[in-house]
Amino acid sequence: MNFSMTVIPETKAEFTGGYDKMIAYLESNSAKKIEQLGFSKLDVVSVSFTVNKMGKTEHIIITKPSGYDKVDSLLIKLIKDMPQWSPAKNKEGNAVDQHFFLDIQKDNC
């Protein structure tokens, strides 16, 4: 038997500037580079990562690969190099780690 539990913090981690800024960061830093690698069409790529107590991304894993090692490496670097996040907080106001899953596909996140 497998069990899974998700703990939701009192205050969720947030990319500096919010969701729209995160999408803009991902689009502006990935689309052109992926095209330069010669890939015009990609299926959905899934990435999991943690925003730690300091607001940095870590434990970045491609959970559904693109099928292209160069693209997957580029996406891992993109997530690793993200600007600092505001970390999640528990009900006592202490910073806590929060795990994320992100689906990326050309023209959509």
N, C-alpha and C. Protein backbone atom coordinates (compact mmCIF):
# COMPACT_ATOMS: atom_id res chain seq x y z
N MET A 1 0.84 -1.18 0.00
CA MET A 1 0.00 0.00 0.00
C MET A 1 0.88 1.24 0.00
N ASN A 2 0.48 2.21 -0.77
CA ASN A 2 1.16 3.50 -0.82
C ASN A 2 0.22 4.57 -0.31
N PHE A 3 0.75 5.44 0.50
CA PHE A 3 -0.02 6.58 0.98
C PHE A 3 0.69 7.85 0.59
N SER A 4 -0.07 8.86 0.31
CA SER A 4 0.49 10.16 -0.04
C SER A 4 -0.24 11.22 0.76
N MET A 5 0.51 12.17 1.28
CA MET A 5 -0.08 13.25 2.05
C MET A 5 0.55 14.56 1.61
N THR A 6 -0.27 15.56 1.44
CA THR A 6 0.23 16.88 1.09
C THR A 6 -0.07 17.82 2.24
N VAL A 7 0.96 18.47 2.73
CA VAL A 7 0.80 19.46 3.79
C VAL A 7 0.83 20.83 3.12
N ILE A 8 -0.22 21.58 3.34
CA ILE A 8 -0.32 22.91 2.75
C ILE A 8 0.04 23.93 3.82
N PRO A 9 1.05 24.75 3.57
CA PRO A 9 1.45 25.74 4.57
C PRO A 9 0.39 26.83 4.73
N GLU A 10 0.46 27.51 5.83
CA GLU A 10 -0.47 28.61 6.10
C GLU A 10 -0.35 29.70 5.02
N THR A 11 0.89 30.04 4.68
CA THR A 11 1.17 31.00 3.61
C THR A 11 2.02 30.28 2.58
N LYS A 12 1.56 30.21 1.35
CA LYS A 12 2.29 29.50 0.29
C LYS A 12 3.49 30.31 -0.18
N ALA A 13 4.50 29.57 -0.64
CA ALA A 13 5.67 30.22 -1.24
C ALA A 13 5.21 30.96 -2.50
N GLU A 14 5.86 32.09 -2.78
CA GLU A 14 5.46 32.88 -3.94
C GLU A 14 6.69 33.39 -4.67
N PHE A 15 6.65 33.24 -5.98
CA PHE A 15 7.69 33.80 -6.84
C PHE A 15 7.65 35.31 -6.69
N THR A 16 8.80 35.94 -6.60
CA THR A 16 8.85 37.39 -6.45
C THR A 16 8.12 38.05 -7.63
N GLY A 17 7.07 38.78 -7.32
CA GLY A 17 6.27 39.43 -8.35
C GLY A 17 5.02 38.65 -8.71
N GLY A 18 4.89 37.43 -8.21
CA GLY A 18 3.68 36.64 -8.42
C GLY A 18 3.75 35.69 -9.61
N TYR A 19 2.65 35.01 -9.82
CA TYR A 19 2.53 33.96 -10.84
C TYR A 19 2.83 34.50 -12.25
N ASP A 20 2.26 35.64 -12.59
CA ASP A 20 2.47 36.18 -13.94
C ASP A 20 3.96 36.49 -14.20
N LYS A 21 4.66 36.97 -13.20
CA LYS A 21 6.10 37.24 -13.35
C LYS A 21 6.88 35.93 -13.52
N MET A 22 6.44 34.87 -12.82
CA MET A 22 7.10 33.58 -12.97
C MET A 22 6.92 33.06 -14.39
N ILE A 23 5.72 33.16 -14.92
CA ILE A 23 5.46 32.71 -16.29
C ILE A 23 6.30 33.53 -17.27
N ALA A 24 6.36 34.83 -17.07
CA ALA A 24 7.18 35.69 -17.94
C ALA A 24 8.65 35.28 -17.86
N TYR A 25 9.15 35.00 -16.65
CA TYR A 25 10.54 34.54 -16.49
C TYR A 25 10.77 33.25 -17.26
N LEU A 26 9.87 32.29 -17.09
CA LEU A 26 10.03 30.99 -17.76
C LEU A 26 9.98 31.15 -19.28
N GLU A 27 9.02 31.93 -19.76
CA GLU A 27 8.88 32.12 -21.21
C GLU A 27 10.08 32.85 -21.80
N SER A 28 10.50 33.92 -21.16
CA SER A 28 11.59 34.71 -21.74
C SER A 28 12.93 34.01 -21.66
N ASN A 29 13.07 33.08 -20.73
CA ASN A 29 14.36 32.41 -20.56
C ASN A 29 14.40 30.99 -21.12
N SER A 30 13.31 30.53 -21.70
CA SER A 30 13.33 29.16 -22.22
C SER A 30 12.98 29.06 -23.70
N ALA A 31 11.96 29.76 -24.14
CA ALA A 31 11.46 29.58 -25.51
C ALA A 31 12.56 29.79 -26.55
N LYS A 32 13.25 30.89 -26.48
CA LYS A 32 14.28 31.20 -27.47
C LYS A 32 15.43 30.19 -27.40
N LYS A 33 15.83 29.81 -26.17
CA LYS A 33 16.93 28.85 -26.02
C LYS A 33 16.55 27.48 -26.56
N ILE A 34 15.31 27.07 -26.33
CA ILE A 34 14.86 25.78 -26.85
C ILE A 34 14.83 25.80 -28.37
N GLU A 35 14.37 26.90 -28.95
CA GLU A 35 14.37 27.03 -30.40
C GLU A 35 15.79 27.03 -30.95
N GLN A 36 16.73 27.67 -30.24
CA GLN A 36 18.13 27.68 -30.68
C GLN A 36 18.72 26.27 -30.68
N LEU A 37 18.22 25.41 -29.81
CA LEU A 37 18.68 24.03 -29.78
C LEU A 37 18.09 23.22 -30.95
N GLY A 38 17.14 23.83 -31.66
CA GLY A 38 16.57 23.18 -32.84
C GLY A 38 15.30 22.41 -32.58
N PHE A 39 14.65 22.65 -31.46
CA PHE A 39 13.42 21.94 -31.14
C PHE A 39 12.24 22.88 -31.34
N SER A 40 11.36 22.53 -32.23
CA SER A 40 10.22 23.41 -32.50
C SER A 40 8.95 22.93 -31.81
N LYS A 41 8.86 21.64 -31.48
CA LYS A 41 7.66 21.12 -30.85
C LYS A 41 8.04 20.22 -29.68
N LEU A 42 7.45 20.47 -28.55
CA LEU A 42 7.69 19.64 -27.38
C LEU A 42 6.36 19.24 -26.76
N ASP A 43 6.32 18.02 -26.24
CA ASP A 43 5.18 17.62 -25.45
C ASP A 43 5.33 18.25 -24.06
N VAL A 44 4.39 17.97 -23.20
CA VAL A 44 4.45 18.50 -21.84
C VAL A 44 5.65 17.89 -21.11
N VAL A 45 6.41 18.75 -20.44
CA VAL A 45 7.51 18.34 -19.59
C VAL A 45 7.10 18.69 -18.17
N SER A 46 7.24 17.75 -17.25
CA SER A 46 6.88 18.00 -15.85
C SER A 46 8.14 18.08 -15.00
N VAL A 47 8.17 19.09 -14.14
CA VAL A 47 9.30 19.32 -13.26
C VAL A 47 8.79 19.43 -11.83
N SER A 48 9.47 18.78 -10.91
CA SER A 48 9.15 18.99 -9.50
C SER A 48 10.35 19.67 -8.85
N PHE A 49 10.07 20.51 -7.86
CA PHE A 49 11.13 21.20 -7.15
C PHE A 49 10.60 21.69 -5.81
N THR A 50 11.52 22.03 -4.95
CA THR A 50 11.19 22.55 -3.63
C THR A 50 11.67 23.98 -3.52
N VAL A 51 10.85 24.84 -2.95
CA VAL A 51 11.29 26.17 -2.55
C VAL A 51 11.62 26.03 -1.06
N ASN A 52 12.90 26.20 -0.71
CA ASN A 52 13.32 25.96 0.66
C ASN A 52 12.99 27.15 1.57
N LYS A 53 13.35 27.02 2.83
CA LYS A 53 13.06 28.04 3.84
C LYS A 53 13.72 29.39 3.55
N MET A 54 14.75 29.35 2.70
CA MET A 54 15.46 30.58 2.34
C MET A 54 14.90 31.19 1.05
N GLY A 55 13.93 30.52 0.41
CA GLY A 55 13.35 31.04 -0.82
C GLY A 55 14.09 30.63 -2.08
N LYS A 56 14.99 29.66 -1.95
CA LYS A 56 15.75 29.16 -3.10
C LYS A 56 15.14 27.85 -3.60
N THR A 57 15.25 27.61 -4.90
CA THR A 57 14.77 26.35 -5.47
C THR A 57 15.83 25.27 -5.30
N GLU A 58 15.38 24.05 -5.02
CA GLU A 58 16.29 22.91 -4.85
C GLU A 58 15.53 21.61 -5.14
N HIS A 59 16.25 20.52 -5.15
CA HIS A 59 15.67 19.19 -5.41
C HIS A 59 14.86 19.19 -6.71
N ILE A 60 15.46 19.71 -7.76
CA ILE A 60 14.79 19.86 -9.06
C ILE A 60 14.91 18.55 -9.82
N ILE A 61 13.76 18.00 -10.20
CA ILE A 61 13.72 16.71 -10.88
C ILE A 61 12.75 16.80 -12.06
N ILE A 62 13.19 16.32 -13.21
CA ILE A 62 12.29 16.20 -14.36
C ILE A 62 11.49 14.91 -14.13
N THR A 63 10.20 15.05 -13.89
CA THR A 63 9.37 13.87 -13.61
C THR A 63 8.73 13.31 -14.87
N LYS A 64 8.62 14.14 -15.90
CA LYS A 64 8.17 13.68 -17.22
C LYS A 64 9.09 14.35 -18.23
N PRO A 65 10.11 13.62 -18.72
CA PRO A 65 11.11 14.22 -19.61
C PRO A 65 10.55 14.60 -20.98
N SER A 66 11.27 15.49 -21.62
CA SER A 66 10.91 15.94 -22.97
C SER A 66 11.32 14.92 -24.03
N GLY A 67 12.29 14.06 -23.67
CA GLY A 67 12.86 13.15 -24.65
C GLY A 67 14.15 13.71 -25.24
N TYR A 68 14.51 14.93 -24.83
CA TYR A 68 15.72 15.58 -25.30
C TYR A 68 16.55 16.01 -24.09
N ASP A 69 17.70 15.39 -23.90
CA ASP A 69 18.54 15.68 -22.74
C ASP A 69 18.91 17.15 -22.63
N LYS A 70 19.21 17.79 -23.76
CA LYS A 70 19.59 19.21 -23.74
C LYS A 70 18.45 20.09 -23.24
N VAL A 71 17.23 19.77 -23.66
CA VAL A 71 16.06 20.55 -23.22
C VAL A 71 15.83 20.33 -21.73
N ASP A 72 15.89 19.08 -21.28
CA ASP A 72 15.68 18.79 -19.87
C ASP A 72 16.73 19.49 -19.01
N SER A 73 17.99 19.47 -19.43
CA SER A 73 19.07 20.16 -18.71
C SER A 73 18.82 21.66 -18.65
N LEU A 74 18.38 22.23 -19.77
CA LEU A 74 18.08 23.65 -19.82
C LEU A 74 16.97 24.01 -18.83
N LEU A 75 15.93 23.18 -18.75
CA LEU A 75 14.82 23.45 -17.83
C LEU A 75 15.25 23.32 -16.38
N ILE A 76 16.10 22.34 -16.08
CA ILE A 76 16.61 22.20 -14.71
C ILE A 76 17.40 23.46 -14.34
N LYS A 77 18.26 23.92 -15.23
CA LYS A 77 19.05 25.13 -14.97
C LYS A 77 18.14 26.35 -14.81
N LEU A 78 17.10 26.43 -15.61
CA LEU A 78 16.16 27.54 -15.55
C LEU A 78 15.48 27.61 -14.17
N ILE A 79 15.05 26.47 -13.67
CA ILE A 79 14.42 26.43 -12.35
C ILE A 79 15.46 26.72 -11.26
N LYS A 80 16.64 26.14 -11.40
CA LYS A 80 17.71 26.36 -10.41
C LYS A 80 18.09 27.83 -10.31
N ASP A 81 18.12 28.52 -11.44
CA ASP A 81 18.55 29.92 -11.48
C ASP A 81 17.41 30.92 -11.26
N MET A 82 16.22 30.44 -10.90
CA MET A 82 15.10 31.36 -10.67
C MET A 82 15.47 32.40 -9.61
N PRO A 83 14.92 33.60 -9.77
CA PRO A 83 15.10 34.59 -8.70
C PRO A 83 14.51 34.07 -7.39
N GLN A 84 14.94 34.65 -6.31
CA GLN A 84 14.49 34.25 -4.97
C GLN A 84 12.97 34.33 -4.84
N TRP A 85 12.39 33.36 -4.16
CA TRP A 85 10.97 33.33 -3.83
C TRP A 85 10.78 33.84 -2.40
N SER A 86 9.55 34.23 -2.09
CA SER A 86 9.17 34.43 -0.69
C SER A 86 8.81 33.04 -0.18
N PRO A 87 9.47 32.54 0.86
CA PRO A 87 9.22 31.16 1.29
C PRO A 87 7.84 30.99 1.91
N ALA A 88 7.39 29.74 1.92
CA ALA A 88 6.13 29.39 2.59
C ALA A 88 6.32 29.57 4.09
N LYS A 89 5.20 29.76 4.80
CA LYS A 89 5.26 29.90 6.26
C LYS A 89 4.17 29.05 6.90
N ASN A 90 4.50 28.50 8.06
CA ASN A 90 3.50 27.73 8.80
C ASN A 90 2.64 28.69 9.63
N LYS A 91 1.71 28.15 10.41
CA LYS A 91 0.78 29.04 11.14
C LYS A 91 1.48 29.85 12.23
N GLU A 92 2.68 29.42 12.64
CA GLU A 92 3.45 30.20 13.61
C GLU A 92 4.27 31.30 12.94
N GLY A 93 4.25 31.34 11.61
CA GLY A 93 4.99 32.36 10.88
C GLY A 93 6.43 31.97 10.56
N ASN A 94 6.78 30.71 10.82
CA ASN A 94 8.12 30.23 10.52
C ASN A 94 8.20 29.76 9.07
N ALA A 95 9.31 30.08 8.41
CA ALA A 95 9.51 29.65 7.03
C ALA A 95 9.62 28.13 6.98
N VAL A 96 8.98 27.53 5.97
CA VAL A 96 9.01 26.09 5.75
C VAL A 96 9.24 25.80 4.27
N ASP A 97 9.74 24.61 3.98
CA ASP A 97 9.89 24.18 2.60
C ASP A 97 8.52 23.92 1.98
N GLN A 98 8.40 24.15 0.67
CA GLN A 98 7.18 23.80 -0.05
C GLN A 98 7.56 23.18 -1.38
N HIS A 99 6.89 22.10 -1.71
CA HIS A 99 7.17 21.36 -2.93
C HIS A 99 6.20 21.80 -4.04
N PHE A 100 6.71 21.87 -5.27
CA PHE A 100 5.91 22.28 -6.41
C PHE A 100 6.05 21.29 -7.56
N PHE A 101 5.01 21.19 -8.36
CA PHE A 101 5.04 20.47 -9.62
C PHE A 101 4.68 21.48 -10.70
N LEU A 102 5.45 21.51 -11.76
CA LEU A 102 5.24 22.47 -12.83
C LEU A 102 5.22 21.73 -14.16
N ASP A 103 4.16 21.93 -14.92
CA ASP A 103 4.07 21.36 -16.27
C ASP A 103 4.41 22.47 -17.25
N ILE A 104 5.34 22.16 -18.14
CA ILE A 104 5.81 23.14 -19.12
C ILE A 104 5.60 22.56 -20.50
N GLN A 105 5.04 23.37 -21.37
CA GLN A 105 4.93 22.97 -22.77
C GLN A 105 5.04 24.21 -23.61
N LYS A 106 5.49 24.05 -24.81
CA LYS A 106 5.67 25.21 -25.67
C LYS A 106 4.33 25.94 -25.78
N ASP A 107 4.34 27.22 -25.53
CA ASP A 107 3.19 28.14 -25.56
C ASP A 107 2.33 28.07 -24.32
N ASN A 108 2.65 27.23 -23.33
CA ASN A 108 1.86 27.16 -22.11
C ASN A 108 2.68 26.67 -20.94
N CYS A 109 2.32 27.15 -19.72
CA CYS A 109 2.90 26.62 -18.47
C CYS A 109 1.77 26.19 -17.58
